[in-house]
Structure formats: C-alpha cells, structure tokens
Amino acid sequence: MTRVADQKDRHTAADRAPDRCAAERTIDAIALEDCLDRIAQAISSDPAGGAAYLPIYERLESELRIAQLRQVTWDSVNARLRRLTDRKAGQSFEAHPVAIRGTHPDHIQADPCCAP
C-alpha cells in the first residue's frame, strides 16, 4: 500500500514542478501586449468588476516595462558595438598604413613597424 501511495505522491509532485523549459523562455513585448489586451477584456466583462484580475494586469504591465527597457539596452549595446567596430577599423588603418609605390603587388610595402 505504501508503495502505491509513494508513487502517487511522486507523480503529483512531478506534475507541480515548474517546467524548466518554460523558465528559460522569454516573452517579448508583443506577447505581453496581447496578454494585457486579453486581461483588459476579462476585467471589462467580469460581473464582479474585475478586481481579481488587477494584480495580473499590474504584473503584466511591469513585465512589459522591463521588456521595453531591456530592448532599449540591447539597442544601446548594439549601437556601441557598431561604433567600436567602426572606430577600430579606422584605427587599424591609421596604425598600420600601407605605402603604395605603384600598382603592382610587389610595389606594396607594409609599414616597417608592422613587419613580422
């Protein structure tokens, strides 16, 4: 009898365990906007006034603000990386100029400071 009860308890505990994949998923701003729309509809159609949905709505709004700020941060990071890449490309050309004496490849000399 105890073995059956133990198996049943383990099964229900496994059912209640959080989904590891769900924890790793991120929800974007579009999905959050859609959820906010649905909750707003639920609030407006709730005969009790929708007060029970307000904490959910507030949490979704908070998550939406976080997602929007995170996107602004990612945009800033990407812009900085582009500027850094452009600046390094300009510096590497200036730091290692190539003196061209003619059009033939044998006439192209690297700056002596860069020679191996």
C-alpha atoms as a PDB file:
ATOM      1  CA  MET A   1       0.000   0.000   0.000  1.00  0.00           C
ATOM      2  CA  THR A   2       2.724   2.465   0.877  1.00  0.00           C
ATOM      3  CA  ARG A   3       4.447   1.865  -2.441  1.00  0.00           C
ATOM      4  CA  VAL A   4       1.322   2.881  -4.368  1.00  0.00           C
ATOM      5  CA  ALA A   5       0.879   5.967  -2.196  1.00  0.00           C
ATOM      6  CA  ASP A   6       4.565   6.904  -2.665  1.00  0.00           C
ATOM      7  CA  GLN A   7       4.262   6.587  -6.435  1.00  0.00           C
ATOM      8  CA  LYS A   8       1.120   8.685  -6.441  1.00  0.00           C
ATOM      9  CA  ASP A   9       2.794  11.391  -4.319  1.00  0.00           C
ATOM     10  CA  ARG A  10       5.814  11.453  -6.601  1.00  0.00           C
ATOM     11  CA  HIS A  11       3.600  11.758  -9.649  1.00  0.00           C
ATOM     12  CA  THR A  12       1.670  14.716  -8.265  1.00  0.00           C
ATOM     13  CA  ALA A  13       4.897  16.383  -7.108  1.00  0.00           C
ATOM     14  CA  ALA A  14       6.317  15.993 -10.611  1.00  0.00           C
ATOM     15  CA  ASP A  15       3.168  17.493 -12.069  1.00  0.00           C
ATOM     16  CA  ARG A  16       3.511  20.506  -9.812  1.00  0.00           C
ATOM     17  CA  ALA A  17       7.224  21.025 -10.508  1.00  0.00           C
ATOM     18  CA  PRO A  18       7.957  24.081 -12.661  1.00  0.00           C
ATOM     19  CA  ASP A  19       8.732  23.439 -16.287  1.00  0.00           C
ATOM     20  CA  ARG A  20      12.453  24.072 -16.764  1.00  0.00           C
ATOM     21  CA  CYS A  21      11.964  24.993 -20.407  1.00  0.00           C
ATOM     22  CA  ALA A  22       9.243  27.480 -19.509  1.00  0.00           C
ATOM     23  CA  ALA A  23      11.597  29.226 -17.094  1.00  0.00           C
ATOM     24  CA  GLU A  24      14.190  29.636 -19.849  1.00  0.00           C
ATOM     25  CA  ARG A  25      11.745  31.110 -22.359  1.00  0.00           C
ATOM     26  CA  THR A  26      11.473  34.842 -22.684  1.00  0.00           C
ATOM     27  CA  ILE A  27       8.259  36.616 -23.514  1.00  0.00           C
ATOM     28  CA  ASP A  28       8.544  39.565 -25.848  1.00  0.00           C
ATOM     29  CA  ALA A  29       6.697  42.870 -25.695  1.00  0.00           C
ATOM     30  CA  ILE A  30       4.215  41.819 -28.394  1.00  0.00           C
ATOM     31  CA  ALA A  31       3.097  38.782 -26.384  1.00  0.00           C
ATOM     32  CA  LEU A  32       2.799  40.914 -23.252  1.00  0.00           C
ATOM     33  CA  GLU A  33       0.692  43.480 -25.124  1.00  0.00           C
ATOM     34  CA  ASP A  34      -1.585  40.661 -26.296  1.00  0.00           C
ATOM     35  CA  CYS A  35      -1.934  39.369 -22.727  1.00  0.00           C
ATOM     36  CA  LEU A  36      -2.731  42.860 -21.454  1.00  0.00           C
ATOM     37  CA  ASP A  37      -5.463  43.164 -24.084  1.00  0.00           C
ATOM     38  CA  ARG A  38      -6.979  39.855 -23.020  1.00  0.00           C
ATOM     39  CA  ILE A  39      -6.870  40.721 -19.326  1.00  0.00           C
ATOM     40  CA  ALA A  40      -8.433  44.122 -20.030  1.00  0.00           C
ATOM     41  CA  GLN A  41     -11.281  42.346 -21.836  1.00  0.00           C
ATOM     42  CA  ALA A  42     -11.669  39.949 -18.916  1.00  0.00           C
ATOM     43  CA  ILE A  43     -11.787  42.859 -16.480  1.00  0.00           C
ATOM     44  CA  SER A  44     -14.427  44.677 -18.502  1.00  0.00           C
ATOM     45  CA  SER A  45     -16.625  41.590 -18.895  1.00  0.00           C
ATOM     46  CA  ASP A  46     -16.312  40.367 -15.300  1.00  0.00           C
ATOM     47  CA  PRO A  47     -19.635  40.768 -13.474  1.00  0.00           C
ATOM     48  CA  ALA A  48     -17.751  41.219 -10.190  1.00  0.00           C
ATOM     49  CA  GLY A  49     -15.920  44.262 -11.557  1.00  0.00           C
ATOM     50  CA  GLY A  50     -12.640  42.589 -12.484  1.00  0.00           C
ATOM     51  CA  ALA A  51     -10.790  43.363  -9.256  1.00  0.00           C
ATOM     52  CA  ALA A  52      -9.443  39.799  -9.150  1.00  0.00           C
ATOM     53  CA  TYR A  53      -7.634  40.417 -12.459  1.00  0.00           C
ATOM     54  CA  LEU A  54      -5.915  43.654 -11.418  1.00  0.00           C
ATOM     55  CA  PRO A  55      -2.811  42.001  -9.861  1.00  0.00           C
ATOM     56  CA  ILE A  56      -2.309  40.018 -13.068  1.00  0.00           C
ATOM     57  CA  TYR A  57      -2.724  43.155 -15.173  1.00  0.00           C
ATOM     58  CA  GLU A  58      -0.282  45.084 -12.972  1.00  0.00           C
ATOM     59  CA  ARG A  59       2.307  42.309 -13.207  1.00  0.00           C
ATOM     60  CA  LEU A  60       1.989  42.166 -16.979  1.00  0.00           C
ATOM     61  CA  GLU A  61       2.404  45.941 -17.209  1.00  0.00           C
ATOM     62  CA  SER A  62       5.515  45.698 -15.054  1.00  0.00           C
ATOM     63  CA  GLU A  63       6.926  42.919 -17.225  1.00  0.00           C
ATOM     64  CA  LEU A  64       6.150  44.958 -20.353  1.00  0.00           C
ATOM     65  CA  ARG A  65       8.092  47.947 -18.990  1.00  0.00           C
ATOM     66  CA  ILE A  66      11.022  45.661 -18.165  1.00  0.00           C
ATOM     67  CA  ALA A  67      10.939  44.128 -21.664  1.00  0.00           C
ATOM     68  CA  GLN A  68      10.865  47.583 -23.258  1.00  0.00           C
ATOM     69  CA  LEU A  69      13.780  48.795 -21.138  1.00  0.00           C
ATOM     70  CA  ARG A  70      15.702  45.629 -21.936  1.00  0.00           C
ATOM     71  CA  GLN A  71      15.155  46.268 -25.656  1.00  0.00           C
ATOM     72  CA  VAL A  72      16.448  49.831 -25.257  1.00  0.00           C
ATOM     73  CA  THR A  73      19.510  48.405 -23.511  1.00  0.00           C
ATOM     74  CA  TRP A  74      20.109  45.865 -26.290  1.00  0.00           C
ATOM     75  CA  ASP A  75      19.771  48.634 -28.881  1.00  0.00           C
ATOM     76  CA  SER A  76      22.334  50.683 -26.954  1.00  0.00           C
ATOM     77  CA  VAL A  77      24.739  47.739 -26.739  1.00  0.00           C
ATOM     78  CA  ASN A  78      24.440  47.085 -30.478  1.00  0.00           C
ATOM     79  CA  ALA A  79      24.964  50.760 -31.325  1.00  0.00           C
ATOM     80  CA  ARG A  80      28.049  50.870 -29.095  1.00  0.00           C
ATOM     81  CA  LEU A  81      29.462  47.750 -30.741  1.00  0.00           C
ATOM     82  CA  ARG A  82      28.922  49.265 -34.192  1.00  0.00           C
ATOM     83  CA  ARG A  83      30.738  52.460 -33.126  1.00  0.00           C
ATOM     84  CA  LEU A  84      33.539  50.420 -31.581  1.00  0.00           C
ATOM     85  CA  THR A  85      33.904  48.318 -34.708  1.00  0.00           C
ATOM     86  CA  ASP A  86      33.948  51.419 -36.922  1.00  0.00           C
ATOM     87  CA  ARG A  87      36.463  53.143 -34.648  1.00  0.00           C
ATOM     88  CA  LYS A  88      38.737  50.080 -34.548  1.00  0.00           C
ATOM     89  CA  ALA A  89      38.548  49.736 -38.319  1.00  0.00           C
ATOM     90  CA  GLY A  90      39.651  53.367 -38.655  1.00  0.00           C
ATOM     91  CA  GLN A  91      42.420  52.997 -36.071  1.00  0.00           C
ATOM     92  CA  SER A  92      43.804  49.820 -37.577  1.00  0.00           C
ATOM     93  CA  PHE A  93      44.092  51.532 -40.944  1.00  0.00           C
ATOM     94  CA  GLU A  94      45.811  54.557 -39.412  1.00  0.00           C
ATOM     95  CA  ALA A  95      48.055  52.495 -37.136  1.00  0.00           C
ATOM     96  CA  HIS A  96      49.178  50.186 -39.922  1.00  0.00           C
ATOM     97  CA  PRO A  97      49.312  52.241 -43.110  1.00  0.00           C
ATOM     98  CA  VAL A  98      50.388  50.675 -46.355  1.00  0.00           C
ATOM     99  CA  ALA A  99      52.688  52.735 -48.587  1.00  0.00           C
ATOM    100  CA  ILE A 100      51.808  52.119 -52.205  1.00  0.00           C
ATOM    101  CA  ARG A 101      54.592  52.990 -54.663  1.00  0.00           C
ATOM    102  CA  GLY A 102      52.904  51.522 -57.688  1.00  0.00           C
ATOM    103  CA  THR A 103      50.035  49.401 -58.827  1.00  0.00           C
ATOM    104  CA  HIS A 104      51.893  46.097 -58.950  1.00  0.00           C
ATOM    105  CA  PRO A 105      51.528  43.911 -55.820  1.00  0.00           C
ATOM    106  CA  ASP A 106      55.316  43.747 -55.476  1.00  0.00           C
ATOM    107  CA  HIS A 107      55.379  47.529 -55.011  1.00  0.00           C
ATOM    108  CA  ILE A 108      53.080  47.471 -51.952  1.00  0.00           C
ATOM    109  CA  GLN A 109      55.071  47.798 -48.737  1.00  0.00           C
ATOM    110  CA  ALA A 110      53.790  47.464 -45.235  1.00  0.00           C
ATOM    111  CA  ASP A 111      54.831  49.961 -42.595  1.00  0.00           C
ATOM    112  CA  PRO A 112      58.122  48.707 -41.031  1.00  0.00           C
ATOM    113  CA  CYS A 113      56.628  48.878 -37.532  1.00  0.00           C
ATOM    114  CA  CYS A 114      54.212  46.122 -38.528  1.00  0.00           C
ATOM    115  CA  ALA A 115      56.724  43.803 -40.153  1.00  0.00           C
ATOM    116  CA  PRO A 116      56.962  40.332 -38.606  1.00  0.00           C
END
